[in-house]
Amino acid sequence: MKLTAPIAALCLLACAGPAPAAGPQLGRNLAATCATCHGTNGRAVVDGGIASLAGVDRERLLQKLAAFRSGEKSATIMQQIAKGFTDDQLDLIATHFAGQK
């Protein structure tokens, strides 16, 4: 009876495992949230009114995201989306899109 709680805790720890590290696909996975508006892999529909992100310089993308976050640049939803990511996550997303050709 007295061992039930420690055994249960040990089982939970064994099942939890280590936290996943930032793997090489993390930027791609984070960028997937952008696909609805900006297209798969950042290739928006031509003449759709929304910018393609594929191949855009990383620094330029980070500047735009910072402008959305601060409210300097307005958009329907980008302010909220940009605020939902950490600086490191935004860097991974921008790096991913910059690498798309």
N, C-alpha and C. Protein backbone atom coordinates (compact mmCIF):
# COMPACT_ATOMS: atom_id res chain seq x y z
N MET A 1 0.81 -1.20 0.00
CA MET A 1 0.00 0.00 0.00
C MET A 1 0.85 1.26 0.00
N LYS A 2 1.91 1.28 0.81
CA LYS A 2 2.72 2.48 0.92
C LYS A 2 3.58 2.70 -0.32
N LEU A 3 3.78 1.69 -1.12
CA LEU A 3 4.61 1.81 -2.32
C LEU A 3 3.82 2.26 -3.55
N THR A 4 2.52 2.35 -3.46
CA THR A 4 1.69 2.67 -4.61
C THR A 4 2.05 4.03 -5.22
N ALA A 5 2.13 5.06 -4.43
CA ALA A 5 2.43 6.40 -4.95
C ALA A 5 3.81 6.48 -5.58
N PRO A 6 4.87 5.98 -4.92
CA PRO A 6 6.19 6.03 -5.55
C PRO A 6 6.27 5.21 -6.83
N ILE A 7 5.62 4.08 -6.86
CA ILE A 7 5.63 3.24 -8.07
C ILE A 7 4.88 3.95 -9.19
N ALA A 8 3.75 4.56 -8.89
CA ALA A 8 2.99 5.30 -9.89
C ALA A 8 3.81 6.46 -10.44
N ALA A 9 4.52 7.18 -9.56
CA ALA A 9 5.35 8.30 -9.99
C ALA A 9 6.48 7.82 -10.89
N LEU A 10 7.08 6.70 -10.53
CA LEU A 10 8.16 6.12 -11.33
C LEU A 10 7.65 5.71 -12.71
N CYS A 11 6.47 5.15 -12.77
CA CYS A 11 5.87 4.76 -14.06
C CYS A 11 5.61 5.99 -14.93
N LEU A 12 5.10 7.04 -14.34
CA LEU A 12 4.85 8.27 -15.10
C LEU A 12 6.15 8.85 -15.65
N LEU A 13 7.19 8.86 -14.83
CA LEU A 13 8.48 9.38 -15.29
C LEU A 13 9.05 8.52 -16.41
N ALA A 14 8.88 7.23 -16.31
CA ALA A 14 9.40 6.33 -17.35
C ALA A 14 8.67 6.53 -18.67
N CYS A 15 7.37 6.79 -18.60
CA CYS A 15 6.58 7.00 -19.81
C CYS A 15 6.82 8.36 -20.44
N ALA A 16 7.13 9.34 -19.63
CA ALA A 16 7.28 10.71 -20.13
C ALA A 16 8.47 10.84 -21.06
N GLY A 17 9.61 10.29 -20.70
CA GLY A 17 10.80 10.38 -21.54
C GLY A 17 11.32 11.80 -21.59
N PRO A 18 12.42 11.99 -22.27
CA PRO A 18 13.01 13.32 -22.36
C PRO A 18 12.22 14.24 -23.28
N ALA A 19 12.31 15.52 -23.04
CA ALA A 19 11.64 16.49 -23.91
C ALA A 19 12.33 16.48 -25.27
N PRO A 20 11.54 16.56 -26.36
CA PRO A 20 12.17 16.52 -27.67
C PRO A 20 13.04 17.75 -27.91
N ALA A 21 14.19 17.54 -28.48
CA ALA A 21 15.10 18.64 -28.80
C ALA A 21 14.63 19.31 -30.08
N ALA A 22 15.14 20.49 -30.29
CA ALA A 22 14.81 21.23 -31.51
C ALA A 22 15.49 20.55 -32.68
N GLY A 23 14.78 19.67 -33.34
CA GLY A 23 15.33 18.92 -34.45
C GLY A 23 15.37 19.75 -35.72
N PRO A 24 15.94 19.19 -36.76
CA PRO A 24 16.08 19.92 -38.02
C PRO A 24 14.74 20.23 -38.68
N GLN A 25 13.69 19.52 -38.31
CA GLN A 25 12.38 19.75 -38.92
C GLN A 25 11.50 20.70 -38.12
N LEU A 26 11.99 21.21 -37.00
CA LEU A 26 11.16 22.06 -36.16
C LEU A 26 10.71 23.32 -36.89
N GLY A 27 11.61 23.96 -37.64
CA GLY A 27 11.24 25.15 -38.40
C GLY A 27 10.15 24.86 -39.40
N ARG A 28 10.27 23.73 -40.08
CA ARG A 28 9.24 23.32 -41.05
C ARG A 28 7.91 23.08 -40.35
N ASN A 29 7.96 22.41 -39.21
CA ASN A 29 6.74 22.12 -38.47
C ASN A 29 6.06 23.40 -37.99
N LEU A 30 6.84 24.34 -37.49
CA LEU A 30 6.28 25.61 -37.05
C LEU A 30 5.72 26.39 -38.23
N ALA A 31 6.42 26.35 -39.36
CA ALA A 31 6.00 27.09 -40.55
C ALA A 31 4.72 26.52 -41.16
N ALA A 32 4.37 25.30 -40.81
CA ALA A 32 3.16 24.68 -41.35
C ALA A 32 1.91 25.48 -40.97
N THR A 33 1.98 26.22 -39.86
CA THR A 33 0.83 27.03 -39.46
C THR A 33 0.57 28.18 -40.43
N CYS A 34 1.55 28.50 -41.25
CA CYS A 34 1.44 29.61 -42.21
C CYS A 34 0.81 29.17 -43.53
N ALA A 35 0.70 27.86 -43.74
CA ALA A 35 0.28 27.31 -45.03
C ALA A 35 -1.13 27.72 -45.43
N THR A 36 -2.01 27.89 -44.47
CA THR A 36 -3.39 28.23 -44.80
C THR A 36 -3.47 29.51 -45.64
N CYS A 37 -2.70 30.50 -45.27
CA CYS A 37 -2.73 31.78 -46.00
C CYS A 37 -1.60 31.91 -47.02
N HIS A 38 -0.41 31.47 -46.65
CA HIS A 38 0.77 31.70 -47.48
C HIS A 38 1.13 30.52 -48.37
N GLY A 39 0.35 29.46 -48.35
CA GLY A 39 0.56 28.33 -49.23
C GLY A 39 1.55 27.32 -48.69
N THR A 40 1.49 26.13 -49.25
CA THR A 40 2.40 25.07 -48.87
C THR A 40 3.84 25.50 -49.14
N ASN A 41 4.69 25.35 -48.16
CA ASN A 41 6.10 25.74 -48.25
C ASN A 41 6.27 27.22 -48.59
N GLY A 42 5.26 28.02 -48.26
CA GLY A 42 5.38 29.47 -48.46
C GLY A 42 5.11 29.94 -49.86
N ARG A 43 4.55 29.10 -50.69
CA ARG A 43 4.24 29.47 -52.07
C ARG A 43 2.76 29.80 -52.17
N ALA A 44 2.44 31.07 -52.05
CA ALA A 44 1.05 31.51 -52.07
C ALA A 44 0.48 31.43 -53.48
N VAL A 45 -0.84 31.43 -53.56
CA VAL A 45 -1.53 31.42 -54.84
C VAL A 45 -1.20 32.72 -55.58
N VAL A 46 -0.83 32.58 -56.84
CA VAL A 46 -0.51 33.76 -57.66
C VAL A 46 -1.75 34.64 -57.77
N ASP A 47 -1.56 35.93 -57.58
CA ASP A 47 -2.65 36.92 -57.61
C ASP A 47 -3.72 36.67 -56.55
N GLY A 48 -3.34 36.02 -55.47
CA GLY A 48 -4.28 35.75 -54.39
C GLY A 48 -4.32 36.85 -53.35
N GLY A 49 -3.43 37.83 -53.46
CA GLY A 49 -3.42 38.95 -52.53
C GLY A 49 -2.60 38.72 -51.27
N ILE A 50 -2.01 37.55 -51.15
CA ILE A 50 -1.19 37.26 -49.98
C ILE A 50 0.21 36.93 -50.47
N ALA A 51 1.20 37.47 -49.77
CA ALA A 51 2.59 37.33 -50.20
C ALA A 51 3.09 35.89 -50.06
N SER A 52 3.91 35.48 -51.03
CA SER A 52 4.64 34.23 -50.91
C SER A 52 5.81 34.47 -49.98
N LEU A 53 6.15 33.49 -49.20
CA LEU A 53 7.27 33.62 -48.26
C LEU A 53 8.49 32.83 -48.71
N ALA A 54 8.30 31.89 -49.63
CA ALA A 54 9.39 31.04 -50.09
C ALA A 54 10.50 31.86 -50.72
N GLY A 55 11.72 31.67 -50.23
CA GLY A 55 12.89 32.33 -50.80
C GLY A 55 13.12 33.76 -50.35
N VAL A 56 12.24 34.30 -49.52
CA VAL A 56 12.42 35.67 -49.02
C VAL A 56 13.55 35.66 -47.99
N ASP A 57 14.39 36.67 -48.03
CA ASP A 57 15.53 36.79 -47.12
C ASP A 57 15.08 36.67 -45.67
N ARG A 58 15.81 35.89 -44.90
CA ARG A 58 15.50 35.63 -43.49
C ARG A 58 15.37 36.92 -42.69
N GLU A 59 16.31 37.82 -42.85
CA GLU A 59 16.28 39.09 -42.10
C GLU A 59 15.05 39.91 -42.46
N ARG A 60 14.68 39.91 -43.73
CA ARG A 60 13.48 40.65 -44.16
C ARG A 60 12.23 40.07 -43.50
N LEU A 61 12.15 38.74 -43.48
CA LEU A 61 11.00 38.11 -42.83
C LEU A 61 10.95 38.43 -41.34
N LEU A 62 12.10 38.39 -40.68
CA LEU A 62 12.14 38.71 -39.25
C LEU A 62 11.74 40.15 -38.99
N GLN A 63 12.14 41.07 -39.86
CA GLN A 63 11.75 42.48 -39.72
C GLN A 63 10.23 42.62 -39.85
N LYS A 64 9.66 41.94 -40.82
CA LYS A 64 8.20 42.01 -41.01
C LYS A 64 7.46 41.42 -39.81
N LEU A 65 7.95 40.28 -39.33
CA LEU A 65 7.31 39.66 -38.17
C LEU A 65 7.41 40.55 -36.94
N ALA A 66 8.55 41.22 -36.76
CA ALA A 66 8.71 42.14 -35.63
C ALA A 66 7.75 43.32 -35.77
N ALA A 67 7.56 43.79 -36.99
CA ALA A 67 6.64 44.91 -37.22
C ALA A 67 5.20 44.50 -36.92
N PHE A 68 4.82 43.29 -37.28
CA PHE A 68 3.48 42.80 -36.94
C PHE A 68 3.33 42.68 -35.44
N ARG A 69 4.33 42.10 -34.78
CA ARG A 69 4.28 41.91 -33.33
C ARG A 69 4.11 43.22 -32.58
N SER A 70 4.84 44.24 -33.01
CA SER A 70 4.80 45.52 -32.31
C SER A 70 3.57 46.34 -32.64
N GLY A 71 2.87 45.97 -33.71
CA GLY A 71 1.71 46.74 -34.14
C GLY A 71 2.07 47.83 -35.13
N GLU A 72 3.36 47.96 -35.44
CA GLU A 72 3.82 48.95 -36.41
C GLU A 72 3.20 48.67 -37.78
N LYS A 73 3.09 47.42 -38.14
CA LYS A 73 2.47 47.01 -39.40
C LYS A 73 1.17 46.30 -39.05
N SER A 74 0.09 46.73 -39.68
CA SER A 74 -1.20 46.13 -39.35
C SER A 74 -1.60 45.09 -40.39
N ALA A 75 -2.35 44.13 -39.92
CA ALA A 75 -2.91 43.08 -40.77
C ALA A 75 -4.07 42.46 -40.01
N THR A 76 -4.87 41.72 -40.71
CA THR A 76 -6.05 41.14 -40.09
C THR A 76 -5.71 40.23 -38.92
N ILE A 77 -4.73 39.35 -39.09
CA ILE A 77 -4.46 38.36 -38.05
C ILE A 77 -2.98 38.22 -37.71
N MET A 78 -2.10 38.76 -38.52
CA MET A 78 -0.67 38.55 -38.33
C MET A 78 -0.14 39.05 -36.98
N GLN A 79 -0.73 40.09 -36.42
CA GLN A 79 -0.27 40.57 -35.12
C GLN A 79 -0.40 39.47 -34.07
N GLN A 80 -1.53 38.80 -34.06
CA GLN A 80 -1.76 37.74 -33.07
C GLN A 80 -0.90 36.52 -33.34
N ILE A 81 -0.74 36.18 -34.60
CA ILE A 81 0.09 35.02 -34.94
C ILE A 81 1.53 35.27 -34.53
N ALA A 82 2.06 36.44 -34.86
CA ALA A 82 3.46 36.75 -34.54
C ALA A 82 3.68 36.79 -33.03
N LYS A 83 2.70 37.24 -32.28
CA LYS A 83 2.82 37.28 -30.82
C LYS A 83 2.78 35.88 -30.21
N GLY A 84 2.27 34.92 -30.95
CA GLY A 84 2.13 33.56 -30.43
C GLY A 84 3.41 32.73 -30.48
N PHE A 85 4.46 33.27 -31.10
CA PHE A 85 5.73 32.56 -31.21
C PHE A 85 6.81 33.28 -30.44
N THR A 86 7.78 32.51 -29.96
CA THR A 86 8.95 33.11 -29.31
C THR A 86 9.88 33.65 -30.40
N ASP A 87 10.87 34.44 -30.00
CA ASP A 87 11.86 34.94 -30.96
C ASP A 87 12.58 33.79 -31.64
N ASP A 88 12.94 32.78 -30.88
CA ASP A 88 13.64 31.62 -31.45
C ASP A 88 12.76 30.88 -32.46
N GLN A 89 11.49 30.75 -32.16
CA GLN A 89 10.58 30.08 -33.09
C GLN A 89 10.41 30.89 -34.37
N LEU A 90 10.29 32.21 -34.24
CA LEU A 90 10.18 33.05 -35.43
C LEU A 90 11.44 32.95 -36.28
N ASP A 91 12.58 32.85 -35.63
CA ASP A 91 13.84 32.69 -36.35
C ASP A 91 13.85 31.37 -37.13
N LEU A 92 13.37 30.31 -36.51
CA LEU A 92 13.30 29.01 -37.19
C LEU A 92 12.35 29.08 -38.39
N ILE A 93 11.23 29.74 -38.22
CA ILE A 93 10.25 29.87 -39.31
C ILE A 93 10.85 30.68 -40.46
N ALA A 94 11.46 31.80 -40.14
CA ALA A 94 12.06 32.66 -41.18
C ALA A 94 13.19 31.92 -41.90
N THR A 95 13.98 31.19 -41.17
CA THR A 95 15.06 30.41 -41.77
C THR A 95 14.49 29.34 -42.71
N HIS A 96 13.43 28.71 -42.29
CA HIS A 96 12.78 27.69 -43.13
C HIS A 96 12.31 28.31 -44.45
N PHE A 97 11.58 29.40 -44.37
CA PHE A 97 11.05 30.00 -45.60
C PHE A 97 12.16 30.57 -46.49
N ALA A 98 13.18 31.11 -45.88
CA ALA A 98 14.31 31.63 -46.67
C ALA A 98 14.99 30.53 -47.46
N GLY A 99 14.97 29.32 -46.93
CA GLY A 99 15.60 28.20 -47.61
C GLY A 99 14.76 27.56 -48.69
N GLN A 100 13.49 27.96 -48.81
CA GLN A 100 12.62 27.41 -49.84
C GLN A 100 12.90 28.11 -51.17
N LYS A 101 12.94 27.36 -52.23
CA LYS A 101 13.20 27.95 -53.56
C LYS A 101 12.02 27.77 -54.46
